[in-house]
Amino acid sequence: MLPSHAPAQQAINSIGIPGFDGNTGWINSAPLTQDDLRGKTVLVDFFEYTCINCLRTLPYLREWYARYHKYGFVIIGVHTPEFGFSGERENVEAAARRLGITWPIVMDDHYAIWNRYHNDEWPHEFLYAPNEQLIESFEGEGGYPDTERKIQLILKVGQPNLNLPPLMALLPQDSYDKPGAVCYPKTPELLLGHEQIADAASGDRAASADYEDRGGEHRDGAIYLQGYWHLTHDAAVADAGNGYVALRYHAIQVEIVLKPERGPVRVAVTQDGKPVARGDAGTDIHYDANGNSYVEVDTPRAYEVIMNAQYAPRHDLRLTAQSAGLGVYDFAFESCEVPGAH
C-alpha cells in the first residue's frame, strides 16, 4: 500500500539506526532508545494493521521473532496509520492482540519516524546488524528466505556456534515467490474517501446524498453507490440500511477495510449476483441458514471477503449494509497463484 505523501527512498548504505523521537506511544514495551538496541540485530518494520500486504508479511515476522529473539534479534514495529481510526491506540492494541504481534510497537501518528527513515510504503523493513549497519531495505512483500538468511548470518557473526533451524518455507499465500507462479492483472487499490475516490459513478460526489445506481454496464474499478451515503475524508458511510456499494473487479483475493461507525453491522455480500460460493469465500465470510453470504463488521479492520479458487478477468461484487453506520474505506486486491496448486 502506498500513501499519497511519499518522500524519497532510504539510501541502503547508511550506518546508525534512526531514532524513534516524535512517537505518540509504545505498545508491548517501555520506550526504546538507540542505546537499548545497541549490539542487537534489529528489524524495523513499518506497517499498518489494515494493510493487506502487511498482513501477508506478519506470519514470517511472528516466526522469526519466535526463532531468533532469544539470540538478540529484535523487531520494532513502526505503526504509521493510513486512516484516522487506525491511529487510535485502542484499535492498534486490539489489532496486535488479534494478529499475535508481541514485539514492541511504536506509534507514529504524525509520520515523524516515517519521514526520518525517508519511507514511502507499507510494509517496509530495515534490517540492521549489531554495529548498526543497514544490511537490507526491503519494500513490500516477498524475499522472505533471503531476509531470514541474512538474519541468520548476522547472528552467527557474533555467535558462530549457534545451531539455527532451516529457513522457513514459503506459505501458500506467497505463490508469487514459487516456481511456476503467475501474477495476473488486478484492479488497482480503491480508496473511498471523498478526496481519494476516483469515481462515485452512481451520482454526484456530494458529501451526503441519496445515490442511485442507474444500472447498465459497470466499469472495472469504479465505485457504484445505492442509497443514502455520506462521504468523509476517509470513507463512504451508510446513512441508512439496505444501501449498497458495488464494483466490478479482476483479482483472486479481495480485502476490504470496514468500520462499524455506530455499532456492529451485518453486511450481505454477493459475487456475480449470487451468494459467494464457498470455494471462493474469504476467511471473514459467513453463511446464514438460507445460504446467504455475509460479513459481521464488529471492529475496524481489513476483512478478507473473497479468495477465488481461480482467477477470472471479471467479477461483480456487492456489499449491502443491513443497518446504518457501515464505513467502507478501502478495497485491496491480489492476483498471484501457482496454476493447478488448488
Protein backbone atom coordinates (compact mmCIF):
# COMPACT_ATOMS: atom_id res chain seq x y z
CA MET A 1 0.00 0.00 0.00
CA LEU A 2 1.33 3.42 -0.93
CA PRO A 3 0.44 6.68 0.83
CA SER A 4 -0.15 9.86 -1.13
CA HIS A 5 2.65 11.81 0.56
CA ALA A 6 5.64 9.53 -0.07
CA PRO A 7 9.10 11.13 0.23
CA ALA A 8 12.27 9.78 -1.39
CA GLN A 9 13.54 6.27 -0.63
CA GLN A 10 16.10 5.49 2.07
CA ALA A 11 19.70 5.01 0.89
CA ILE A 12 20.81 1.49 1.74
CA ASN A 13 24.45 2.19 2.62
CA SER A 14 23.84 4.02 5.90
CA ILE A 15 25.22 3.46 9.38
CA GLY A 16 23.18 4.04 12.52
CA ILE A 17 19.60 3.23 13.44
CA PRO A 18 17.49 6.39 13.18
CA GLY A 19 15.70 7.09 16.43
CA PHE A 20 12.02 6.97 17.33
CA ASP A 21 11.56 10.53 18.62
CA GLY A 22 8.23 12.13 17.78
CA ASN A 23 6.27 8.97 18.55
CA THR A 24 2.88 9.04 20.26
CA GLY A 25 3.40 6.00 22.48
CA TRP A 26 4.61 2.42 22.71
CA ILE A 27 2.74 -0.90 22.82
CA ASN A 28 4.17 -4.16 24.21
CA SER A 29 7.22 -2.32 25.55
CA ALA A 30 8.54 0.59 27.53
CA PRO A 31 10.00 3.29 25.24
CA LEU A 32 13.15 2.07 23.48
CA THR A 33 16.13 4.22 22.57
CA GLN A 34 19.07 3.66 20.26
CA ASP A 35 21.13 2.76 23.34
CA ASP A 36 18.65 -0.03 24.16
CA LEU A 37 19.21 -1.52 20.69
CA ARG A 38 22.99 -1.28 20.62
CA GLY A 39 24.56 -4.68 19.95
CA LYS A 40 21.26 -6.20 18.76
CA THR A 41 20.18 -7.45 15.36
CA VAL A 42 17.24 -5.12 14.65
CA LEU A 43 14.44 -5.31 12.12
CA VAL A 44 12.48 -2.05 11.89
CA ASP A 45 9.14 -2.87 10.25
CA PHE A 46 6.88 -0.08 9.01
CA PHE A 47 3.35 -1.45 8.94
CA GLU A 48 -0.33 -0.57 9.15
CA TYR A 49 -2.74 -3.03 10.68
CA THR A 50 -5.32 -2.67 7.89
CA CYS A 51 -2.77 -3.08 5.07
CA ILE A 52 -3.25 -6.28 3.06
CA ASN A 53 0.46 -6.53 2.23
CA CYS A 54 1.46 -6.07 5.88
CA LEU A 55 -0.99 -8.77 6.98
CA ARG A 56 0.54 -11.21 4.49
CA THR A 57 4.04 -10.47 5.84
CA LEU A 58 3.15 -10.92 9.53
CA PRO A 59 3.36 -14.76 9.71
CA TYR A 60 7.05 -14.55 8.80
CA LEU A 61 7.75 -11.86 11.37
CA ARG A 62 5.99 -13.89 14.06
CA GLU A 63 8.06 -16.97 13.26
CA TRP A 64 11.36 -15.07 13.04
CA TYR A 65 10.69 -13.40 16.38
CA ALA A 66 9.91 -16.77 17.99
CA ARG A 67 13.04 -18.35 16.48
CA TYR A 68 15.65 -15.65 16.99
CA HIS A 69 14.62 -13.24 19.74
CA LYS A 70 16.49 -15.30 22.35
CA TYR A 71 19.69 -14.78 20.33
CA GLY A 72 19.44 -10.98 20.32
CA PHE A 73 17.08 -10.42 17.39
CA VAL A 74 14.65 -7.52 17.93
CA ILE A 75 11.70 -6.35 15.85
CA ILE A 76 10.43 -2.79 16.21
CA GLY A 77 7.05 -2.35 14.53
CA VAL A 78 6.51 1.26 13.48
CA HIS A 79 2.77 1.76 13.11
CA THR A 80 2.12 4.71 10.82
CA PRO A 81 -1.64 4.98 10.21
CA GLU A 82 -3.35 5.39 6.86
CA PHE A 83 -6.79 6.23 8.31
CA GLY A 84 -7.91 8.27 11.29
CA PHE A 85 -9.26 5.27 13.21
CA SER A 86 -6.13 3.19 12.58
CA GLY A 87 -4.10 5.72 14.53
CA GLU A 88 -6.20 5.25 17.69
CA ARG A 89 -4.25 3.40 20.35
CA GLU A 90 -7.07 1.09 21.42
CA ASN A 91 -7.54 -0.07 17.84
CA VAL A 92 -3.83 -0.79 17.38
CA GLU A 93 -3.70 -2.63 20.72
CA ALA A 94 -6.69 -4.76 19.73
CA ALA A 95 -5.12 -5.49 16.35
CA ALA A 96 -1.84 -6.50 17.98
CA ARG A 97 -3.67 -9.00 20.20
CA ARG A 98 -5.73 -10.36 17.31
CA LEU A 99 -2.72 -10.68 14.98
CA GLY A 100 -0.32 -12.12 17.55
CA ILE A 101 2.14 -9.20 17.49
CA THR A 102 4.15 -9.50 20.69
CA TRP A 103 7.19 -7.38 19.79
CA PRO A 104 7.44 -3.65 20.56
CA ILE A 105 5.25 -1.32 18.52
CA VAL A 106 5.93 2.40 18.36
CA MET A 107 3.01 4.65 17.39
CA ASP A 108 3.90 7.07 14.60
CA ASP A 109 0.65 9.01 14.25
CA HIS A 110 2.32 12.17 12.95
CA TYR A 111 4.66 10.44 10.44
CA ALA A 112 7.71 11.70 12.34
CA ILE A 113 9.51 8.33 12.21
CA TRP A 114 8.24 7.61 8.70
CA ASN A 115 9.85 10.82 7.44
CA ARG A 116 13.05 10.29 9.44
CA TYR A 117 13.53 6.96 7.67
CA HIS A 118 12.51 8.51 4.33
CA ASN A 119 9.94 5.77 3.98
CA ASP A 120 7.41 5.56 1.17
CA GLU A 121 5.50 2.29 1.55
CA TRP A 122 3.82 -0.25 3.82
CA PRO A 123 5.34 -2.68 4.59
CA HIS A 124 8.98 -1.61 4.55
CA GLU A 125 11.61 -3.45 6.55
CA PHE A 126 15.05 -2.16 7.53
CA LEU A 127 17.46 -4.83 8.82
CA TYR A 128 20.39 -3.62 10.95
CA ALA A 129 23.46 -5.52 12.16
CA PRO A 130 24.69 -5.12 15.77
CA ASN A 131 27.15 -2.44 14.57
CA GLU A 132 24.08 -0.51 13.29
CA GLN A 133 24.97 -1.03 9.64
CA LEU A 134 21.90 -1.19 7.40
CA ILE A 135 22.07 -4.64 5.82
CA GLU A 136 18.79 -4.66 3.92
CA SER A 137 16.00 -2.27 2.97
CA PHE A 138 13.05 -4.25 1.58
CA GLU A 139 9.79 -2.70 0.40
CA GLY A 140 6.57 -4.67 0.04
CA GLU A 141 6.03 -8.40 0.23
CA GLY A 142 8.38 -11.21 -0.71
CA GLY A 143 12.06 -12.08 -0.37
CA TYR A 144 11.43 -13.88 2.92
CA PRO A 145 14.07 -16.65 2.59
CA ASP A 146 16.72 -14.08 1.67
CA THR A 147 15.86 -11.86 4.63
CA GLU A 148 15.86 -14.79 7.05
CA ARG A 149 19.18 -15.98 5.63
CA LYS A 150 20.67 -12.54 6.36
CA ILE A 151 19.29 -12.62 9.91
CA GLN A 152 20.98 -15.98 10.50
CA LEU A 153 24.28 -14.80 9.02
CA ILE A 154 24.28 -11.68 11.20
CA LEU A 155 23.53 -13.69 14.35
CA LYS A 156 26.31 -16.18 13.58
CA VAL A 157 28.90 -13.43 13.24
CA GLY A 158 28.84 -12.91 16.99
CA GLN A 159 27.67 -16.42 17.90
CA PRO A 160 29.33 -18.81 15.39
CA ASN A 161 28.27 -21.96 17.25
CA LEU A 162 24.54 -21.27 17.02
CA ASN A 163 22.50 -24.22 15.76
CA LEU A 164 19.78 -22.45 13.79
CA PRO A 165 16.72 -24.03 12.12
CA PRO A 166 16.22 -24.42 8.36
CA LEU A 167 14.82 -21.39 6.62
CA MET A 168 11.06 -21.04 6.93
CA ALA A 169 9.16 -22.47 3.96
CA LEU A 170 7.05 -20.11 1.89
CA LEU A 171 3.39 -20.00 2.88
CA PRO A 172 0.61 -20.80 0.39
CA GLN A 173 -0.30 -17.10 0.25
CA ASP A 174 3.09 -16.34 -1.26
CA SER A 175 2.66 -18.17 -4.55
CA TYR A 176 4.36 -15.31 -6.39
CA ASP A 177 7.74 -16.42 -4.97
CA LYS A 178 7.37 -20.05 -6.09
CA PRO A 179 8.45 -21.75 -9.34
CA GLY A 180 5.75 -21.52 -11.98
CA ALA A 181 4.00 -18.62 -10.28
CA VAL A 182 1.76 -16.40 -12.36
CA CYS A 183 0.67 -12.92 -11.32
CA TYR A 184 -2.42 -11.92 -13.27
CA PRO A 185 -3.58 -8.33 -13.84
CA LYS A 186 -5.59 -6.94 -10.94
CA THR A 187 -7.81 -3.98 -10.21
CA PRO A 188 -5.82 -1.18 -8.50
CA GLU A 189 -6.45 -0.41 -4.83
CA LEU A 190 -9.55 1.75 -4.31
CA LEU A 191 -9.89 4.34 -1.55
CA LEU A 192 -13.39 5.60 -0.84
CA GLY A 193 -12.86 8.94 0.91
CA HIS A 194 -14.26 11.97 -0.88
CA GLU A 195 -10.76 13.29 -1.60
CA GLN A 196 -9.47 9.99 -2.99
CA ILE A 197 -12.40 8.28 -4.68
CA ALA A 198 -11.84 8.23 -8.42
CA ASP A 199 -15.47 7.90 -9.42
CA ALA A 200 -18.58 7.58 -7.28
CA ALA A 201 -20.07 6.50 -10.56
CA SER A 202 -23.64 6.32 -9.33
CA GLY A 203 -24.19 10.02 -8.73
CA ASP A 204 -22.71 13.38 -7.91
CA ARG A 205 -19.83 13.35 -5.43
CA ALA A 206 -21.69 15.22 -2.71
CA ALA A 207 -20.66 14.90 0.95
CA SER A 208 -24.04 13.31 1.72
CA ALA A 209 -26.60 12.20 -0.82
CA ASP A 210 -29.17 9.66 -1.92
CA TYR A 211 -27.16 7.83 -4.57
CA GLU A 212 -28.71 5.86 -7.39
CA ASP A 213 -27.05 3.01 -9.22
CA ARG A 214 -28.61 3.59 -12.63
CA GLY A 215 -27.85 0.09 -13.85
CA GLY A 216 -26.19 -0.71 -17.11
CA GLU A 217 -22.62 -1.87 -17.57
CA HIS A 218 -20.38 -1.23 -14.59
CA ARG A 219 -16.79 -0.20 -15.29
CA ASP A 220 -13.96 -2.13 -13.69
CA GLY A 221 -12.53 -0.29 -10.68
CA ALA A 222 -15.35 2.28 -10.43
CA ILE A 223 -17.40 2.60 -7.25
CA TYR A 224 -21.21 2.46 -7.58
CA LEU A 225 -23.33 3.58 -4.63
CA GLN A 226 -27.02 2.97 -3.99
CA GLY A 227 -28.98 4.61 -1.18
CA TYR A 228 -28.02 7.23 1.40
CA TRP A 229 -24.25 7.55 1.80
CA HIS A 230 -22.06 10.18 3.42
CA LEU A 231 -18.56 10.69 2.00
CA THR A 232 -15.95 11.63 4.60
CA HIS A 233 -12.24 12.31 4.17
CA ASP A 234 -11.54 8.58 4.54
CA ALA A 235 -14.69 6.62 3.74
CA ALA A 236 -18.18 6.18 2.37
CA VAL A 237 -20.54 5.75 5.33
CA ALA A 238 -24.03 4.27 5.00
CA ASP A 239 -26.63 6.68 6.39
CA ALA A 240 -29.42 4.08 6.17
CA GLY A 241 -29.90 0.35 5.92
CA ASN A 242 -30.03 -1.58 2.65
CA GLY A 243 -27.75 0.80 0.79
CA TYR A 244 -25.03 -0.91 -1.19
CA VAL A 245 -21.61 -0.34 -2.68
CA ALA A 246 -20.82 -2.24 -5.87
CA LEU A 247 -17.87 -2.62 -8.17
CA ARG A 248 -16.55 -4.74 -10.98
CA TYR A 249 -13.04 -6.09 -10.38
CA HIS A 250 -10.49 -8.61 -11.61
CA ALA A 251 -8.36 -10.38 -8.98
CA ILE A 252 -8.09 -13.54 -6.89
CA GLN A 253 -8.21 -12.03 -3.40
CA VAL A 254 -10.24 -9.07 -2.15
CA GLU A 255 -9.76 -7.45 1.26
CA ILE A 256 -11.94 -4.54 2.33
CA VAL A 257 -11.27 -2.12 5.18
CA LEU A 258 -14.58 -1.72 7.03
CA LYS A 259 -15.55 0.04 10.24
CA PRO A 260 -18.73 -0.11 12.36
CA GLU A 261 -19.29 3.62 12.82
CA ARG A 262 -22.31 3.26 15.16
CA GLY A 263 -22.17 -0.36 16.29
CA PRO A 264 -21.86 -3.81 14.71
CA VAL A 265 -23.27 -4.08 11.19
CA ARG A 266 -24.13 -7.19 9.20
CA VAL A 267 -23.17 -6.77 5.55
CA ALA A 268 -24.63 -9.01 2.86
CA VAL A 269 -22.06 -9.93 0.22
CA THR A 270 -22.77 -11.21 -3.28
CA GLN A 271 -20.49 -12.04 -6.16
CA ASP A 272 -21.82 -12.07 -9.72
CA GLY A 273 -25.35 -11.61 -8.37
CA LYS A 274 -25.30 -14.68 -6.09
CA PRO A 275 -24.07 -15.58 -2.59
CA VAL A 276 -20.32 -16.01 -2.58
CA ALA A 277 -19.50 -19.61 -3.49
CA ARG A 278 -17.96 -21.42 -0.55
CA GLY A 279 -14.90 -22.25 -2.61
CA ASP A 280 -14.40 -18.53 -3.32
CA ALA A 281 -15.10 -17.23 0.19
CA GLY A 282 -12.56 -15.28 2.19
CA THR A 283 -11.93 -16.10 5.83
CA ASP A 284 -14.39 -13.44 7.05
CA ILE A 285 -17.39 -14.68 5.06
CA HIS A 286 -20.21 -16.40 6.97
CA TYR A 287 -23.46 -18.02 5.80
CA ASP A 288 -26.95 -17.86 7.22
CA ALA A 289 -29.45 -20.73 7.31
CA ASN A 290 -30.57 -19.91 3.77
CA GLY A 291 -27.04 -19.97 2.36
CA ASN A 292 -26.71 -16.20 2.04
CA SER A 293 -23.16 -14.91 2.47
CA TYR A 294 -22.35 -12.04 4.80
CA VAL A 295 -19.65 -10.34 6.87
CA GLU A 296 -20.16 -9.33 10.51
CA VAL A 297 -18.42 -5.96 10.89
CA ASP A 298 -17.77 -5.54 14.59
CA THR A 299 -14.34 -3.94 14.71
CA PRO A 300 -12.47 -1.54 12.40
CA ARG A 301 -10.07 -3.65 10.34
CA ALA A 302 -9.40 -5.32 6.99
CA TYR A 303 -11.85 -8.12 6.18
CA GLU A 304 -10.93 -10.89 3.74
CA VAL A 305 -14.11 -11.19 1.72
CA ILE A 306 -13.03 -13.05 -1.42
CA MET A 307 -10.39 -15.72 -2.12
CA ASN A 308 -11.36 -17.02 -5.53
CA ALA A 309 -10.42 -20.60 -6.32
CA GLN A 310 -9.15 -19.42 -9.68
CA TYR A 311 -8.54 -16.17 -11.47
CA ALA A 312 -11.21 -14.67 -13.72
CA PRO A 313 -10.96 -11.40 -15.67
CA ARG A 314 -14.30 -10.15 -14.37
CA HIS A 315 -16.36 -10.35 -11.19
CA ASP A 316 -19.15 -8.12 -9.84
CA LEU A 317 -19.04 -7.61 -6.09
CA ARG A 318 -21.78 -6.02 -3.98
CA LEU A 319 -21.85 -5.17 -0.25
CA THR A 320 -25.26 -4.30 1.22
CA ALA A 321 -25.39 -2.79 4.71
CA GLN A 322 -28.24 -4.22 6.79
CA SER A 323 -28.27 -1.13 9.02
CA ALA A 324 -26.85 2.38 9.06
CA GLY A 325 -23.30 3.11 10.14
CA LEU A 326 -21.17 0.93 7.86
CA GLY A 327 -17.92 2.69 6.94
CA VAL A 328 -16.25 1.44 3.75
CA TYR A 329 -12.68 2.68 3.48
CA ASP A 330 -10.61 0.67 1.06
CA PHE A 331 -10.63 -2.23 -1.42
CA ALA A 332 -7.33 -4.07 -1.98
CA PHE A 333 -6.68 -6.86 -4.46
CA GLU A 334 -4.11 -9.63 -5.04
CA SER A 335 -3.82 -11.95 -8.06
CA CYS A 336 -0.86 -14.34 -7.88
CA GLU A 337 -1.07 -18.12 -7.90
CA VAL A 338 0.68 -21.29 -8.98
CA PRO A 339 -1.72 -22.72 -11.59
CA GLY A 340 -3.08 -26.11 -10.59
CA ALA A 341 -1.99 -25.78 -6.97
CA HIS A 342 -5.55 -25.55 -5.61
